Amino acid sequence: MNKETELQNIYRNRFAGKISYRDKVWLLLCKHVFSKYVLEDTTVLDLGCGDGGFINNICAKTKWGLDLNPDCSKHLDLDVHFLQQDCSETWGVAAGSIDVVFTSNFFEHLNSKQLLGKILDETHRVLKTGGKLIAMGPNINILPGKYWDFWDHYIPLSEKSLSEALVNRGFRVDECIARFLPYTMVGKKEVPEVMIWLYLKVRFIWPVFGKQFLVVATKI
C-alpha cells in the first residue's frame, strides 16, 4: 500500500462522521485563540491541513493548505490554495513569502527526527523574517502510553524538545505551553460549543485537562 492510499484509509476511518463537529471546534479555536497570531492581511500556510478545520476558519488574505492526502481537496474552501505533495520535498511556495505556518497534530506522524528537522528548515525558508510558526500536538510527557494508540504516530515530542529544535534553527520561542487542549476528538462524545468556549476562556483549567502542547515561535 502506498503512502497516499494509507493516508486516505486512515483518515476516512478515523474521522468518519466527525467532520462537521470538528469544523465547529476549529471555528471556536480560530476565533478565540489563533486569530491573535494571524492578522487578516497575512499569508498563512496550514502544514498537514487535513480536512481544513484550521485553514477554512481562520481569517487571512491568502491561504495555503499542504498535505499528501488527495482527499483533503474535497474539504477545503475555494479560497484555499492546495499543495498536494510530500512535505519532505521543497514546498511549492517562494522563500520568505509566508507570514504564518500553522500545524496541528502533524509532527508526530513523521517517521524520524531527521525528517522533522528538514521540515523545520523548510518552514524557516518559506517564512518572512518575523513570521511565526504555530505548532500543537500530543505531549509525550503527559501521554506516554496512549500516545502510541494511533498506528501513524512515530516521533515522541514534548513542548521542550520541539522548542529546542526550533531555537537551533533560528527561531525565537515566544510561547511554550505544555498543556493546551485535551488529547483527541476520536471516539469521544461531542462537547457542547458553549463548554468548548468556556474551556478556551478559563485558562487555569488547561493544566487539568490539557494533553497537547502549544508552541509559538518567530523566525529571527
N, C-alpha and C. Protein backbone atom coordinates (compact mmCIF):
# COMPACT_ATOMS: atom_id res chain seq x y z
N MET A 1 0.85 -1.19 0.00
CA MET A 1 0.00 0.00 0.00
C MET A 1 0.89 1.25 0.00
N ASN A 2 0.65 2.18 -0.95
CA ASN A 2 1.48 3.38 -0.97
C ASN A 2 1.02 4.37 0.10
N LYS A 3 1.83 5.41 0.32
CA LYS A 3 1.59 6.35 1.41
C LYS A 3 0.27 7.10 1.25
N GLU A 4 -0.05 7.49 0.02
CA GLU A 4 -1.27 8.24 -0.21
C GLU A 4 -2.50 7.40 0.11
N THR A 5 -2.50 6.15 -0.36
CA THR A 5 -3.65 5.27 -0.12
C THR A 5 -3.82 4.99 1.37
N GLU A 6 -2.72 4.78 2.08
CA GLU A 6 -2.81 4.51 3.51
C GLU A 6 -3.36 5.73 4.25
N LEU A 7 -2.90 6.91 3.87
CA LEU A 7 -3.43 8.13 4.48
C LEU A 7 -4.93 8.25 4.26
N GLN A 8 -5.37 8.01 3.04
CA GLN A 8 -6.79 8.08 2.74
C GLN A 8 -7.59 7.13 3.62
N ASN A 9 -7.12 5.90 3.74
CA ASN A 9 -7.84 4.90 4.54
C ASN A 9 -7.87 5.27 6.01
N ILE A 10 -6.73 5.70 6.55
CA ILE A 10 -6.65 6.05 7.98
C ILE A 10 -7.63 7.16 8.32
N TYR A 11 -7.62 8.23 7.54
CA TYR A 11 -8.42 9.40 7.93
C TYR A 11 -9.89 9.25 7.57
N ARG A 12 -10.19 8.47 6.55
CA ARG A 12 -11.61 8.18 6.27
C ARG A 12 -12.22 7.41 7.43
N ASN A 13 -11.47 6.45 7.95
CA ASN A 13 -11.99 5.63 9.05
C ASN A 13 -11.95 6.38 10.39
N ARG A 14 -10.88 7.12 10.62
CA ARG A 14 -10.69 7.76 11.93
C ARG A 14 -11.70 8.86 12.18
N PHE A 15 -12.02 9.64 11.16
CA PHE A 15 -12.86 10.81 11.36
C PHE A 15 -14.23 10.70 10.68
N ALA A 16 -14.62 9.49 10.36
CA ALA A 16 -15.93 9.29 9.72
C ALA A 16 -17.04 9.85 10.60
N GLY A 17 -17.86 10.72 10.02
CA GLY A 17 -18.98 11.30 10.75
C GLY A 17 -18.63 12.42 11.70
N LYS A 18 -17.36 12.82 11.74
CA LYS A 18 -16.92 13.83 12.71
C LYS A 18 -16.54 15.17 12.06
N ILE A 19 -16.58 15.24 10.74
CA ILE A 19 -16.10 16.44 10.06
C ILE A 19 -16.85 17.69 10.50
N SER A 20 -18.18 17.61 10.56
CA SER A 20 -18.99 18.78 10.92
C SER A 20 -18.68 19.26 12.33
N TYR A 21 -18.59 18.32 13.27
CA TYR A 21 -18.29 18.68 14.65
C TYR A 21 -16.89 19.27 14.77
N ARG A 22 -15.92 18.64 14.10
CA ARG A 22 -14.55 19.14 14.15
C ARG A 22 -14.48 20.56 13.60
N ASP A 23 -15.27 20.84 12.56
CA ASP A 23 -15.27 22.18 11.98
C ASP A 23 -15.79 23.21 12.98
N LYS A 24 -16.79 22.86 13.77
CA LYS A 24 -17.30 23.77 14.79
C LYS A 24 -16.24 24.06 15.86
N VAL A 25 -15.51 23.01 16.24
CA VAL A 25 -14.45 23.18 17.23
C VAL A 25 -13.36 24.11 16.69
N TRP A 26 -12.97 23.88 15.43
CA TRP A 26 -11.92 24.70 14.84
C TRP A 26 -12.35 26.16 14.69
N LEU A 27 -13.61 26.40 14.40
CA LEU A 27 -14.10 27.77 14.31
C LEU A 27 -13.91 28.49 15.64
N LEU A 28 -14.21 27.82 16.73
CA LEU A 28 -14.01 28.41 18.05
C LEU A 28 -12.53 28.62 18.36
N LEU A 29 -11.70 27.65 18.01
CA LEU A 29 -10.26 27.78 18.24
C LEU A 29 -9.68 28.95 17.45
N CYS A 30 -10.08 29.08 16.21
CA CYS A 30 -9.58 30.18 15.38
C CYS A 30 -10.03 31.52 15.93
N LYS A 31 -11.27 31.61 16.32
CA LYS A 31 -11.82 32.87 16.79
C LYS A 31 -11.24 33.30 18.14
N HIS A 32 -11.08 32.35 19.06
CA HIS A 32 -10.74 32.70 20.43
C HIS A 32 -9.27 32.47 20.80
N VAL A 33 -8.52 31.79 19.94
CA VAL A 33 -7.11 31.54 20.25
C VAL A 33 -6.20 32.01 19.12
N PHE A 34 -6.37 31.43 17.94
CA PHE A 34 -5.37 31.62 16.89
C PHE A 34 -5.48 32.93 16.14
N SER A 35 -6.61 33.59 16.20
CA SER A 35 -6.76 34.86 15.49
C SER A 35 -5.82 35.94 16.02
N LYS A 36 -5.34 35.80 17.25
CA LYS A 36 -4.42 36.81 17.79
C LYS A 36 -3.03 36.71 17.16
N TYR A 37 -2.73 35.57 16.54
CA TYR A 37 -1.45 35.40 15.87
C TYR A 37 -1.54 35.65 14.37
N VAL A 38 -2.76 35.62 13.82
CA VAL A 38 -2.95 35.68 12.37
C VAL A 38 -3.79 36.91 12.03
N LEU A 39 -3.15 37.91 11.44
CA LEU A 39 -3.86 39.11 11.03
C LEU A 39 -4.57 38.87 9.70
N GLU A 40 -5.62 39.62 9.44
CA GLU A 40 -6.45 39.36 8.27
C GLU A 40 -5.75 39.68 6.95
N ASP A 41 -4.66 40.46 6.97
CA ASP A 41 -3.96 40.81 5.73
C ASP A 41 -2.72 39.94 5.49
N THR A 42 -2.64 38.79 6.18
CA THR A 42 -1.45 37.96 6.10
C THR A 42 -1.64 36.75 5.19
N THR A 43 -0.51 36.07 4.93
CA THR A 43 -0.50 34.84 4.16
C THR A 43 -0.19 33.68 5.11
N VAL A 44 -1.04 32.68 5.10
CA VAL A 44 -0.95 31.57 6.06
C VAL A 44 -0.85 30.24 5.32
N LEU A 45 0.01 29.37 5.81
CA LEU A 45 0.12 28.02 5.28
C LEU A 45 -0.18 27.02 6.38
N ASP A 46 -1.12 26.11 6.11
CA ASP A 46 -1.50 25.07 7.05
C ASP A 46 -0.79 23.78 6.63
N LEU A 47 0.21 23.38 7.42
CA LEU A 47 1.03 22.21 7.13
C LEU A 47 0.35 20.96 7.69
N GLY A 48 0.01 20.03 6.78
CA GLY A 48 -0.79 18.88 7.19
C GLY A 48 -2.22 19.31 7.42
N CYS A 49 -2.82 19.93 6.40
CA CYS A 49 -4.09 20.65 6.58
C CYS A 49 -5.29 19.73 6.80
N GLY A 50 -5.18 18.44 6.44
CA GLY A 50 -6.27 17.51 6.71
C GLY A 50 -7.59 17.95 6.09
N ASP A 51 -8.65 17.94 6.90
CA ASP A 51 -9.97 18.31 6.39
C ASP A 51 -10.22 19.81 6.44
N GLY A 52 -9.17 20.60 6.67
CA GLY A 52 -9.28 22.04 6.54
C GLY A 52 -9.85 22.76 7.73
N GLY A 53 -9.91 22.11 8.88
CA GLY A 53 -10.52 22.74 10.05
C GLY A 53 -9.93 24.09 10.39
N PHE A 54 -8.61 24.19 10.40
CA PHE A 54 -7.97 25.48 10.69
C PHE A 54 -8.04 26.43 9.51
N ILE A 55 -7.53 26.00 8.37
CA ILE A 55 -7.35 26.93 7.25
C ILE A 55 -8.68 27.44 6.69
N ASN A 56 -9.74 26.65 6.80
CA ASN A 56 -11.05 27.13 6.34
C ASN A 56 -11.63 28.19 7.27
N ASN A 57 -11.27 28.13 8.54
CA ASN A 57 -11.92 29.00 9.53
C ASN A 57 -11.10 30.20 9.97
N ILE A 58 -9.82 30.23 9.63
CA ILE A 58 -9.01 31.37 10.01
C ILE A 58 -9.20 32.49 8.99
N CYS A 59 -9.20 33.73 9.45
CA CYS A 59 -9.33 34.88 8.55
C CYS A 59 -7.94 35.33 8.12
N ALA A 60 -7.66 35.27 6.81
CA ALA A 60 -6.37 35.69 6.28
C ALA A 60 -6.55 36.09 4.81
N LYS A 61 -5.61 36.88 4.31
CA LYS A 61 -5.70 37.36 2.93
C LYS A 61 -5.45 36.23 1.94
N THR A 62 -4.39 35.45 2.20
CA THR A 62 -4.02 34.35 1.31
C THR A 62 -3.84 33.09 2.13
N LYS A 63 -4.42 31.98 1.65
CA LYS A 63 -4.39 30.74 2.42
C LYS A 63 -3.81 29.60 1.56
N TRP A 64 -2.92 28.83 2.19
CA TRP A 64 -2.36 27.64 1.57
C TRP A 64 -2.62 26.45 2.48
N GLY A 65 -2.94 25.32 1.89
CA GLY A 65 -3.03 24.06 2.61
C GLY A 65 -2.12 23.04 1.96
N LEU A 66 -1.28 22.38 2.78
CA LEU A 66 -0.33 21.40 2.25
C LEU A 66 -0.59 20.05 2.91
N ASP A 67 -0.75 19.02 2.08
CA ASP A 67 -0.99 17.68 2.62
C ASP A 67 -0.75 16.66 1.51
N LEU A 68 -0.30 15.47 1.88
CA LEU A 68 -0.10 14.41 0.91
C LEU A 68 -1.41 13.73 0.53
N ASN A 69 -2.37 13.75 1.42
CA ASN A 69 -3.65 13.06 1.20
C ASN A 69 -4.49 13.80 0.16
N PRO A 70 -4.75 13.20 -1.00
CA PRO A 70 -5.54 13.90 -2.03
C PRO A 70 -6.97 14.17 -1.62
N ASP A 71 -7.50 13.43 -0.63
CA ASP A 71 -8.87 13.66 -0.17
C ASP A 71 -9.05 15.04 0.45
N CYS A 72 -7.96 15.65 0.90
CA CYS A 72 -8.06 16.95 1.57
C CYS A 72 -8.73 18.00 0.68
N SER A 73 -8.48 17.93 -0.61
CA SER A 73 -9.02 18.93 -1.52
C SER A 73 -10.54 18.96 -1.51
N LYS A 74 -11.18 17.86 -1.12
CA LYS A 74 -12.64 17.80 -1.09
C LYS A 74 -13.23 18.65 0.03
N HIS A 75 -12.41 18.95 1.04
CA HIS A 75 -12.92 19.64 2.22
C HIS A 75 -12.48 21.10 2.30
N LEU A 76 -11.55 21.52 1.45
CA LEU A 76 -11.02 22.88 1.54
C LEU A 76 -11.91 23.88 0.84
N ASP A 77 -12.04 25.07 1.43
CA ASP A 77 -12.81 26.15 0.80
C ASP A 77 -12.14 26.58 -0.49
N LEU A 78 -12.89 27.25 -1.35
CA LEU A 78 -12.39 27.65 -2.66
C LEU A 78 -11.25 28.65 -2.58
N ASP A 79 -11.15 29.39 -1.47
CA ASP A 79 -10.08 30.39 -1.36
C ASP A 79 -8.77 29.82 -0.82
N VAL A 80 -8.73 28.50 -0.61
CA VAL A 80 -7.51 27.85 -0.12
C VAL A 80 -6.76 27.23 -1.29
N HIS A 81 -5.49 27.61 -1.45
CA HIS A 81 -4.63 27.02 -2.48
C HIS A 81 -4.07 25.71 -1.94
N PHE A 82 -4.37 24.60 -2.60
CA PHE A 82 -3.99 23.29 -2.08
C PHE A 82 -2.70 22.79 -2.74
N LEU A 83 -1.72 22.43 -1.92
CA LEU A 83 -0.49 21.80 -2.37
C LEU A 83 -0.55 20.33 -1.97
N GLN A 84 -0.83 19.47 -2.92
CA GLN A 84 -0.90 18.04 -2.64
C GLN A 84 0.48 17.45 -2.93
N GLN A 85 1.29 17.32 -1.86
CA GLN A 85 2.66 16.89 -2.04
C GLN A 85 3.22 16.29 -0.76
N ASP A 86 4.34 15.61 -0.90
CA ASP A 86 5.09 15.10 0.23
C ASP A 86 5.79 16.28 0.91
N CYS A 87 5.58 16.42 2.21
CA CYS A 87 6.14 17.58 2.92
C CYS A 87 7.66 17.54 2.98
N SER A 88 8.27 16.36 2.70
CA SER A 88 9.73 16.26 2.75
C SER A 88 10.38 16.87 1.51
N GLU A 89 9.57 17.15 0.49
CA GLU A 89 10.07 17.81 -0.71
C GLU A 89 9.91 19.33 -0.56
N THR A 90 10.66 20.08 -1.36
CA THR A 90 10.56 21.54 -1.31
C THR A 90 9.13 21.98 -1.56
N TRP A 91 8.60 22.81 -0.67
CA TRP A 91 7.21 23.23 -0.78
C TRP A 91 7.04 24.17 -1.96
N GLY A 92 5.87 24.14 -2.57
CA GLY A 92 5.61 24.93 -3.75
C GLY A 92 5.25 26.38 -3.48
N VAL A 93 5.97 27.02 -2.56
CA VAL A 93 5.79 28.45 -2.28
C VAL A 93 7.18 29.08 -2.19
N ALA A 94 7.24 30.36 -2.50
CA ALA A 94 8.52 31.06 -2.56
C ALA A 94 9.11 31.30 -1.18
N ALA A 95 10.42 31.39 -1.12
CA ALA A 95 11.11 31.71 0.13
C ALA A 95 10.67 33.08 0.63
N GLY A 96 10.46 33.19 1.93
CA GLY A 96 10.10 34.47 2.53
C GLY A 96 8.75 35.02 2.13
N SER A 97 7.82 34.12 1.76
CA SER A 97 6.52 34.59 1.26
C SER A 97 5.37 34.36 2.24
N ILE A 98 5.63 33.69 3.36
CA ILE A 98 4.57 33.28 4.28
C ILE A 98 4.71 34.02 5.61
N ASP A 99 3.60 34.50 6.12
CA ASP A 99 3.60 35.18 7.43
C ASP A 99 3.45 34.21 8.59
N VAL A 100 2.62 33.18 8.40
CA VAL A 100 2.36 32.21 9.48
C VAL A 100 2.30 30.81 8.89
N VAL A 101 3.05 29.89 9.48
CA VAL A 101 2.89 28.47 9.21
C VAL A 101 2.21 27.87 10.45
N PHE A 102 1.10 27.21 10.23
CA PHE A 102 0.36 26.56 11.31
C PHE A 102 0.40 25.05 11.09
N THR A 103 0.53 24.30 12.17
CA THR A 103 0.43 22.85 12.05
C THR A 103 -0.14 22.26 13.33
N SER A 104 -1.03 21.31 13.15
CA SER A 104 -1.69 20.68 14.30
C SER A 104 -1.66 19.17 14.15
N ASN A 105 -1.16 18.48 15.17
CA ASN A 105 -1.17 17.02 15.19
C ASN A 105 -0.58 16.44 13.91
N PHE A 106 0.56 16.98 13.54
CA PHE A 106 1.23 16.56 12.31
C PHE A 106 2.65 16.04 12.54
N PHE A 107 3.43 16.74 13.35
CA PHE A 107 4.83 16.37 13.51
C PHE A 107 5.02 14.95 14.03
N GLU A 108 4.11 14.48 14.89
CA GLU A 108 4.24 13.13 15.44
C GLU A 108 4.06 12.04 14.39
N HIS A 109 3.53 12.40 13.21
CA HIS A 109 3.32 11.43 12.14
C HIS A 109 4.54 11.27 11.23
N LEU A 110 5.54 12.10 11.43
CA LEU A 110 6.77 11.97 10.64
C LEU A 110 7.57 10.79 11.16
N ASN A 111 8.32 10.14 10.27
CA ASN A 111 8.95 8.88 10.68
C ASN A 111 10.35 9.03 11.28
N SER A 112 10.84 10.25 11.40
CA SER A 112 12.14 10.43 12.05
C SER A 112 12.33 11.89 12.46
N LYS A 113 13.19 12.12 13.44
CA LYS A 113 13.52 13.49 13.82
C LYS A 113 14.35 14.17 12.74
N GLN A 114 15.08 13.38 11.96
CA GLN A 114 15.83 13.97 10.84
C GLN A 114 14.87 14.61 9.84
N LEU A 115 13.75 13.92 9.58
CA LEU A 115 12.75 14.48 8.67
C LEU A 115 12.09 15.70 9.29
N LEU A 116 11.79 15.64 10.57
CA LEU A 116 11.21 16.81 11.24
C LEU A 116 12.16 18.00 11.14
N GLY A 117 13.46 17.75 11.36
CA GLY A 117 14.43 18.84 11.23
C GLY A 117 14.42 19.45 9.84
N LYS A 118 14.31 18.61 8.82
CA LYS A 118 14.25 19.09 7.44
C LYS A 118 13.02 19.96 7.22
N ILE A 119 11.90 19.55 7.81
CA ILE A 119 10.66 20.30 7.64
C ILE A 119 10.70 21.63 8.41
N LEU A 120 11.34 21.63 9.56
CA LEU A 120 11.51 22.89 10.28
C LEU A 120 12.41 23.84 9.50
N ASP A 121 13.43 23.29 8.82
CA ASP A 121 14.27 24.12 7.96
C ASP A 121 13.46 24.69 6.80
N GLU A 122 12.56 23.87 6.23
CA GLU A 122 11.72 24.35 5.14
C GLU A 122 10.73 25.40 5.63
N THR A 123 10.24 25.22 6.85
CA THR A 123 9.38 26.23 7.46
C THR A 123 10.12 27.55 7.59
N HIS A 124 11.36 27.48 8.05
CA HIS A 124 12.20 28.68 8.18
C HIS A 124 12.40 29.34 6.82
N ARG A 125 12.59 28.54 5.77
CA ARG A 125 12.81 29.09 4.43
C ARG A 125 11.62 29.88 3.93
N VAL A 126 10.42 29.34 4.09
CA VAL A 126 9.25 29.99 3.48
C VAL A 126 8.73 31.17 4.31
N LEU A 127 9.07 31.22 5.60
CA LEU A 127 8.58 32.31 6.44
C LEU A 127 9.33 33.60 6.17
N LYS A 128 8.62 34.71 6.28
CA LYS A 128 9.26 36.02 6.29
C LYS A 128 10.01 36.18 7.60
N THR A 129 11.01 37.06 7.62
CA THR A 129 11.64 37.40 8.89
C THR A 129 10.57 38.02 9.79
N GLY A 130 10.45 37.52 11.01
CA GLY A 130 9.37 37.95 11.90
C GLY A 130 8.12 37.12 11.77
N GLY A 131 8.11 36.20 10.78
CA GLY A 131 6.97 35.31 10.62
C GLY A 131 6.92 34.27 11.73
N LYS A 132 5.75 33.65 11.89
CA LYS A 132 5.55 32.75 13.03
C LYS A 132 5.22 31.33 12.60
N LEU A 133 5.70 30.40 13.42
CA LEU A 133 5.24 29.01 13.37
C LEU A 133 4.37 28.77 14.59
N ILE A 134 3.17 28.26 14.37
CA ILE A 134 2.28 27.84 15.45
C ILE A 134 2.13 26.34 15.35
N ALA A 135 2.54 25.63 16.40
CA ALA A 135 2.51 24.16 16.34
C ALA A 135 1.86 23.61 17.60
N MET A 136 0.94 22.67 17.40
CA MET A 136 0.35 21.96 18.52
C MET A 136 0.36 20.47 18.24
N GLY A 137 0.38 19.69 19.31
CA GLY A 137 0.41 18.25 19.14
C GLY A 137 0.41 17.55 20.47
N PRO A 138 0.22 16.22 20.47
CA PRO A 138 0.18 15.46 21.71
C PRO A 138 1.53 15.48 22.42
N ASN A 139 1.49 15.64 23.74
CA ASN A 139 2.70 15.78 24.55
C ASN A 139 3.09 14.43 25.14
N ILE A 140 4.23 13.91 24.71
CA ILE A 140 4.67 12.60 25.16
C ILE A 140 4.88 12.54 26.67
N ASN A 141 5.21 13.66 27.30
CA ASN A 141 5.41 13.67 28.75
C ASN A 141 4.12 13.43 29.52
N ILE A 142 2.99 13.73 28.87
CA ILE A 142 1.70 13.60 29.53
C ILE A 142 0.95 12.36 29.05
N LEU A 143 1.30 11.87 27.86
CA LEU A 143 0.62 10.73 27.24
C LEU A 143 1.61 9.63 26.88
N PRO A 144 2.39 9.13 27.83
CA PRO A 144 3.43 8.16 27.47
C PRO A 144 2.90 6.86 26.90
N GLY A 145 1.69 6.44 27.30
CA GLY A 145 1.13 5.20 26.79
C GLY A 145 0.14 5.42 25.66
N LYS A 146 -0.87 6.25 25.89
CA LYS A 146 -1.92 6.48 24.90
C LYS A 146 -1.39 7.12 23.62
N TYR A 147 -0.24 7.75 23.72
CA TYR A 147 0.39 8.37 22.55
C TYR A 147 0.51 7.37 21.40
N TRP A 148 0.74 6.11 21.73
CA TRP A 148 1.02 5.10 20.72
C TRP A 148 -0.22 4.33 20.28
N ASP A 149 -1.39 4.77 20.69
CA ASP A 149 -2.62 4.08 20.30
C ASP A 149 -3.01 4.33 18.85
N PHE A 150 -2.35 5.29 18.21
CA PHE A 150 -2.62 5.57 16.81
C PHE A 150 -1.50 4.97 15.95
N TRP A 151 -1.89 4.22 14.93
CA TRP A 151 -0.96 3.49 14.09
C TRP A 151 0.12 4.39 13.49
N ASP A 152 -0.24 5.64 13.17
CA ASP A 152 0.67 6.51 12.44
C ASP A 152 1.40 7.51 13.32
N HIS A 153 1.56 7.22 14.62
CA HIS A 153 2.41 8.04 15.49
C HIS A 153 3.81 7.44 15.52
N TYR A 154 4.82 8.26 15.25
CA TYR A 154 6.20 7.77 15.19
C TYR A 154 7.13 8.51 16.15
N ILE A 155 7.13 9.84 16.09
CA ILE A 155 8.09 10.62 16.87
C ILE A 155 7.47 11.03 18.20
N PRO A 156 8.11 10.70 19.33
CA PRO A 156 7.65 11.23 20.62
C PRO A 156 8.15 12.65 20.81
N LEU A 157 7.24 13.60 21.02
CA LEU A 157 7.62 15.01 21.15
C LEU A 157 6.97 15.63 22.39
N SER A 158 7.68 16.59 22.96
CA SER A 158 7.12 17.44 24.00
C SER A 158 7.30 18.88 23.58
N GLU A 159 6.73 19.78 24.33
CA GLU A 159 6.90 21.20 24.02
C GLU A 159 8.36 21.61 24.14
N LYS A 160 9.10 20.96 25.02
CA LYS A 160 10.50 21.32 25.24
C LYS A 160 11.40 20.81 24.12
N SER A 161 11.17 19.58 23.67
CA SER A 161 12.00 19.05 22.59
C SER A 161 11.78 19.82 21.30
N LEU A 162 10.52 20.15 21.00
CA LEU A 162 10.24 20.93 19.80
C LEU A 162 10.84 22.32 19.91
N SER A 163 10.73 22.93 21.07
CA SER A 163 11.30 24.27 21.26
C SER A 163 12.80 24.27 21.06
N GLU A 164 13.48 23.25 21.56
CA GLU A 164 14.93 23.18 21.38
C GLU A 164 15.30 23.07 19.91
N ALA A 165 14.56 22.23 19.18
CA ALA A 165 14.82 22.09 17.74
C ALA A 165 14.62 23.42 17.01
N LEU A 166 13.62 24.19 17.41
CA LEU A 166 13.34 25.47 16.76
C LEU A 166 14.43 26.50 17.06
N VAL A 167 14.87 26.57 18.30
CA VAL A 167 15.93 27.51 18.67
C VAL A 167 17.20 27.20 17.88
N ASN A 168 17.49 25.93 17.69
CA ASN A 168 18.68 25.52 16.94
C ASN A 168 18.60 25.89 15.47
N ARG A 169 17.40 26.26 15.00
CA ARG A 169 17.20 26.56 13.58
C ARG A 169 16.83 28.01 13.33
N GLY A 170 17.16 28.88 14.25
CA GLY A 170 16.97 30.30 14.00
C GLY A 170 15.60 30.84 14.35
N PHE A 171 14.94 30.20 15.29
CA PHE A 171 13.65 30.69 15.78
C PHE A 171 13.78 31.18 17.22
N ARG A 172 12.92 32.09 17.59
CA ARG A 172 12.75 32.50 18.99
C ARG A 172 11.42 31.95 19.47
N VAL A 173 11.43 31.22 20.55
CA VAL A 173 10.19 30.66 21.08
C VAL A 173 9.49 31.71 21.94
N ASP A 174 8.29 32.10 21.53
CA ASP A 174 7.52 33.13 22.23
C ASP A 174 6.57 32.55 23.27
N GLU A 175 5.97 31.41 22.94
CA GLU A 175 5.06 30.74 23.88
C GLU A 175 5.35 29.25 23.86
N CYS A 176 5.34 28.65 25.03
CA CYS A 176 5.62 27.23 25.16
C CYS A 176 4.71 26.68 26.25
N ILE A 177 3.58 26.14 25.83
CA ILE A 177 2.55 25.68 26.76
C ILE A 177 2.49 24.16 26.73
N ALA A 178 2.77 23.53 27.85
CA ALA A 178 2.81 22.07 27.91
C ALA A 178 1.42 21.46 27.80
N ARG A 179 0.43 22.12 28.42
CA ARG A 179 -0.94 21.58 28.46
C ARG A 179 -1.89 22.62 27.86
N PHE A 180 -2.33 22.34 26.64
CA PHE A 180 -3.22 23.27 25.95
C PHE A 180 -4.60 22.65 25.79
N LEU A 181 -4.77 21.73 24.85
CA LEU A 181 -6.07 21.11 24.59
C LEU A 181 -6.08 19.66 25.08
N PRO A 182 -7.29 19.10 25.29
CA PRO A 182 -7.39 17.65 25.52
C PRO A 182 -6.80 16.89 24.34
N TYR A 183 -6.59 15.59 24.52
CA TYR A 183 -5.81 14.80 23.57
C TYR A 183 -6.44 14.67 22.19
N THR A 184 -7.69 14.19 22.12
CA THR A 184 -8.25 13.84 20.82
C THR A 184 -9.77 13.89 20.84
N MET A 185 -10.35 14.09 19.65
CA MET A 185 -11.80 14.00 19.48
C MET A 185 -12.23 12.64 18.97
N VAL A 186 -11.26 11.77 18.66
CA VAL A 186 -11.56 10.44 18.13
C VAL A 186 -12.18 9.57 19.23
N GLY A 187 -13.37 9.04 18.95
CA GLY A 187 -14.03 8.15 19.89
C GLY A 187 -14.61 8.85 21.11
N LYS A 188 -14.72 10.18 21.07
CA LYS A 188 -15.24 10.94 22.20
C LYS A 188 -16.63 11.49 21.88
N LYS A 189 -17.42 11.73 22.94
CA LYS A 189 -18.71 12.37 22.76
C LYS A 189 -18.51 13.83 22.36
N GLU A 190 -19.45 14.33 21.58
CA GLU A 190 -19.38 15.73 21.18
C GLU A 190 -19.70 16.62 22.37
N VAL A 191 -18.84 17.62 22.57
CA VAL A 191 -18.99 18.55 23.69
C VAL A 191 -19.76 19.78 23.19
N PRO A 192 -20.75 20.28 23.94
CA PRO A 192 -21.47 21.49 23.52
C PRO A 192 -20.52 22.65 23.27
N GLU A 193 -20.82 23.45 22.27
CA GLU A 193 -19.94 24.55 21.89
C GLU A 193 -19.69 25.52 23.04
N VAL A 194 -20.70 25.74 23.87
CA VAL A 194 -20.52 26.67 24.99
C VAL A 194 -19.48 26.15 25.97
N MET A 195 -19.37 24.84 26.11
CA MET A 195 -18.37 24.25 27.01
C MET A 195 -16.97 24.41 26.43
N ILE A 196 -16.87 24.29 25.11
CA ILE A 196 -15.57 24.49 24.46
C ILE A 196 -15.14 25.94 24.62
N TRP A 197 -16.08 26.86 24.38
CA TRP A 197 -15.80 28.30 24.54
C TRP A 197 -15.34 28.59 25.97
N LEU A 198 -16.01 28.01 26.94
CA LEU A 198 -15.66 28.23 28.34
C LEU A 198 -14.26 27.70 28.64
N TYR A 199 -13.95 26.51 28.11
CA TYR A 199 -12.62 25.93 28.32
C TYR A 199 -11.53 26.86 27.77
N LEU A 200 -11.73 27.39 26.59
CA LEU A 200 -10.73 28.26 25.98
C LEU A 200 -10.54 29.55 26.76
N LYS A 201 -11.59 30.03 27.40
CA LYS A 201 -11.53 31.29 28.13
C LYS A 201 -10.93 31.12 29.53
N VAL A 202 -11.16 29.97 30.15
CA VAL A 202 -10.74 29.77 31.54
C VAL A 202 -9.42 28.98 31.53
N ARG A 203 -8.32 29.69 31.37
CA ARG A 203 -7.03 29.04 31.13
C ARG A 203 -6.52 28.28 32.34
N PHE A 204 -6.98 28.59 33.53
CA PHE A 204 -6.43 27.90 34.69
C PHE A 204 -6.86 26.43 34.75
N ILE A 205 -7.84 26.04 33.90
CA ILE A 205 -8.21 24.62 33.88
C ILE A 205 -7.44 23.84 32.80
N TRP A 206 -6.66 24.53 31.99
CA TRP A 206 -5.88 23.84 30.96
C TRP A 206 -4.94 22.79 31.57
N PRO A 207 -4.24 23.10 32.69
CA PRO A 207 -3.34 22.09 33.26
C PRO A 207 -4.06 20.83 33.76
N VAL A 208 -5.37 20.91 33.95
CA VAL A 208 -6.13 19.75 34.41
C VAL A 208 -6.47 18.82 33.24
N PHE A 209 -6.92 19.40 32.14
CA PHE A 209 -7.42 18.60 31.02
C PHE A 209 -6.47 18.59 29.80
N GLY A 210 -5.59 19.56 29.70
CA GLY A 210 -4.73 19.67 28.53
C GLY A 210 -3.71 18.56 28.43
N LYS A 211 -3.63 17.96 27.25
CA LYS A 211 -2.64 16.91 26.99
C LYS A 211 -1.89 17.15 25.68
N GLN A 212 -2.21 18.27 25.03
CA GLN A 212 -1.49 18.68 23.84
C GLN A 212 -0.72 19.97 24.13
N PHE A 213 0.48 20.05 23.58
CA PHE A 213 1.28 21.27 23.75
C PHE A 213 0.92 22.30 22.69
N LEU A 214 1.27 23.54 22.98
CA LEU A 214 1.18 24.63 22.01
C LEU A 214 2.49 25.40 22.04
N VAL A 215 3.15 25.49 20.89
CA VAL A 215 4.41 26.23 20.78
C VAL A 215 4.24 27.28 19.68
N VAL A 216 4.59 28.51 20.01
CA VAL A 216 4.57 29.61 19.03
C VAL A 216 5.98 30.18 18.95
N ALA A 217 6.53 30.22 17.74
CA ALA A 217 7.91 30.67 17.57
C ALA A 217 8.01 31.65 16.41
N THR A 218 8.99 32.54 16.48
CA THR A 218 9.19 33.58 15.47
C THR A 218 10.52 33.38 14.76
N LYS A 219 10.53 33.52 13.45
CA LYS A 219 11.77 33.47 12.67
C LYS A 219 12.56 34.75 12.91
N ILE A 220 13.80 34.60 13.34
CA ILE A 220 14.63 35.79 13.64
C ILE A 220 15.78 35.90 12.62
